[in-house]
Amino acid sequence: MASWKLEDNVNDWVKSEFARIGQNNYTVESAMSPHLKSALQMGVKLKRLELEIKGEKEKGKSWKPDFELESFNIPVIIENKLGTAKLSAIKEGKVKRDIKSVQNFAVNGLLPTIKFSIS
């Protein structure tokens, strides 16, 4: 793990872990079901609207999780990063919601999107 330079190395490891436990019902990035894709896209739109109301603007591509498992009663969404330093940005015990944190940290980007997707 220490020699990993790309997030693709993390993706390969996740795939190997799925294989190790016999889980092969996952999809990668945008290969998810149309229902989940639609829900997440709406979540992204609502997240961006909330940020714009606060005076921030998110630029760039639409967010897609790294892996999805839809074989359970509730979808499992996995967003990975290269190293633990990019997992989350926390301030005073709360997940930061500013644009920089949402764009650069796995938990910060995932939580608002999922929140809006299921509401």
Protein backbone atom coordinates (compact mmCIF):
# COMPACT_ATOMS: atom_id res chain seq x y z
CA MET A 1 0.00 0.00 0.00
CA ALA A 2 2.80 2.45 0.78
CA SER A 3 4.01 2.42 -2.83
CA TRP A 4 0.62 3.33 -4.30
CA LYS A 5 0.70 6.50 -6.39
CA LEU A 6 -2.75 6.50 -8.00
CA GLU A 7 -6.33 6.12 -6.85
CA ASP A 8 -6.54 3.32 -9.43
CA ASN A 9 -4.28 1.33 -7.10
CA VAL A 10 -6.92 1.72 -4.38
CA ASN A 11 -9.65 0.67 -6.84
CA ASP A 12 -7.67 -2.46 -7.73
CA TRP A 13 -7.31 -3.30 -4.04
CA VAL A 14 -11.05 -2.83 -3.43
CA LYS A 15 -11.79 -5.15 -6.38
CA SER A 16 -9.39 -7.75 -4.97
CA GLU A 17 -11.13 -7.53 -1.59
CA PHE A 18 -14.51 -8.03 -3.25
CA ALA A 19 -13.08 -11.10 -5.03
CA ARG A 20 -11.62 -12.39 -1.75
CA ILE A 21 -15.02 -12.33 -0.04
CA GLY A 22 -16.87 -13.59 -3.10
CA GLN A 23 -18.78 -10.36 -3.78
CA ASN A 24 -19.18 -9.83 -7.51
CA ASN A 25 -22.44 -7.86 -7.58
CA TYR A 26 -20.80 -4.44 -7.62
CA THR A 27 -20.56 -1.78 -10.30
CA VAL A 28 -17.86 0.79 -10.93
CA GLU A 29 -18.54 4.51 -11.27
CA SER A 30 -21.36 5.22 -13.75
CA ALA A 31 -22.26 1.56 -14.44
CA MET A 32 -24.90 1.66 -11.68
CA SER A 33 -28.60 1.06 -12.23
CA PRO A 34 -30.62 3.86 -13.86
CA HIS A 35 -32.61 4.34 -10.62
CA LEU A 36 -29.51 4.87 -8.46
CA LYS A 37 -27.84 7.03 -11.12
CA SER A 38 -30.93 9.27 -11.29
CA ALA A 39 -31.11 9.59 -7.50
CA LEU A 40 -27.42 10.48 -7.22
CA GLN A 41 -27.61 12.98 -10.09
CA MET A 42 -30.50 14.72 -8.34
CA GLY A 43 -28.47 14.71 -5.14
CA VAL A 44 -25.56 16.38 -6.94
CA LYS A 45 -27.87 19.06 -8.38
CA LEU A 46 -29.36 19.81 -4.96
CA LYS A 47 -25.91 19.84 -3.33
CA ARG A 48 -24.68 22.35 -5.92
CA LEU A 49 -27.77 24.51 -5.41
CA GLU A 50 -27.19 24.55 -1.65
CA LEU A 51 -23.55 25.58 -2.20
CA GLU A 52 -24.56 28.33 -4.63
CA ILE A 53 -27.05 29.71 -2.10
CA LYS A 54 -24.10 29.98 0.31
CA GLY A 55 -22.14 31.89 -2.35
CA GLU A 56 -19.92 29.01 -3.49
CA LYS A 57 -19.85 27.38 -6.90
CA GLU A 58 -18.74 23.86 -7.70
CA LYS A 59 -17.08 23.49 -11.06
CA GLY A 60 -16.06 20.34 -12.84
CA LYS A 61 -17.46 16.97 -13.65
CA SER A 62 -20.46 15.36 -12.04
CA TRP A 63 -19.68 13.25 -8.99
CA LYS A 64 -19.74 9.48 -9.34
CA PRO A 65 -18.94 7.06 -6.52
CA ASP A 66 -16.08 4.62 -7.09
CA PHE A 67 -18.17 1.50 -6.34
CA GLU A 68 -21.80 0.65 -5.74
CA LEU A 69 -23.44 -2.51 -4.44
CA GLU A 70 -27.16 -2.72 -5.05
CA SER A 71 -27.73 -6.32 -4.03
CA PHE A 72 -28.93 -5.39 -0.54
CA ASN A 73 -32.11 -3.65 0.66
CA ILE A 74 -30.18 -0.39 0.72
CA PRO A 75 -27.47 0.60 -1.78
CA VAL A 76 -23.89 0.60 -0.54
CA ILE A 77 -21.84 3.48 -1.96
CA ILE A 78 -18.04 3.45 -1.76
CA GLU A 79 -15.95 6.56 -2.41
CA ASN A 80 -12.25 5.89 -1.94
CA LYS A 81 -9.22 8.16 -1.88
CA LEU A 82 -5.49 7.64 -2.09
CA GLY A 83 -4.50 7.78 1.57
CA THR A 84 -6.33 8.58 4.78
CA ALA A 85 -5.51 12.30 4.57
CA LYS A 86 -8.28 12.70 1.96
CA LEU A 87 -11.01 10.74 3.76
CA SER A 88 -12.65 13.63 5.61
CA ALA A 89 -12.22 17.24 6.69
CA ILE A 90 -13.65 17.87 10.15
CA LYS A 91 -13.93 21.10 12.14
CA GLU A 92 -15.13 21.15 15.74
CA GLY A 93 -16.44 17.59 15.42
CA LYS A 94 -18.52 18.29 12.30
CA VAL A 95 -17.97 17.43 8.65
CA LYS A 96 -16.98 20.59 6.80
CA ARG A 97 -19.37 21.53 3.98
CA ASP A 98 -17.43 24.21 2.12
CA ILE A 99 -16.75 23.70 -1.57
CA LYS A 100 -13.07 22.83 -1.16
CA SER A 101 -13.85 20.12 1.37
CA VAL A 102 -16.77 18.75 -0.68
CA GLN A 103 -14.56 18.49 -3.77
CA ASN A 104 -11.45 17.05 -2.13
CA PHE A 105 -12.55 14.71 0.66
CA ALA A 106 -14.47 11.43 0.30
CA VAL A 107 -16.86 11.81 3.24
CA ASN A 108 -17.42 15.53 2.68
CA GLY A 109 -18.44 14.97 -0.95
CA LEU A 110 -20.44 11.83 -0.31
CA LEU A 111 -22.63 12.91 2.62
CA PRO A 112 -24.47 15.84 1.04
CA THR A 113 -25.00 13.96 -2.22
CA ILE A 114 -26.42 10.92 -0.42
CA LYS A 115 -28.49 13.11 1.89
CA PHE A 116 -30.17 14.85 -1.02
CA SER A 117 -30.49 11.59 -2.98
CA ILE A 118 -32.58 9.90 -0.31
CA SER A 119 -34.65 12.87 0.84
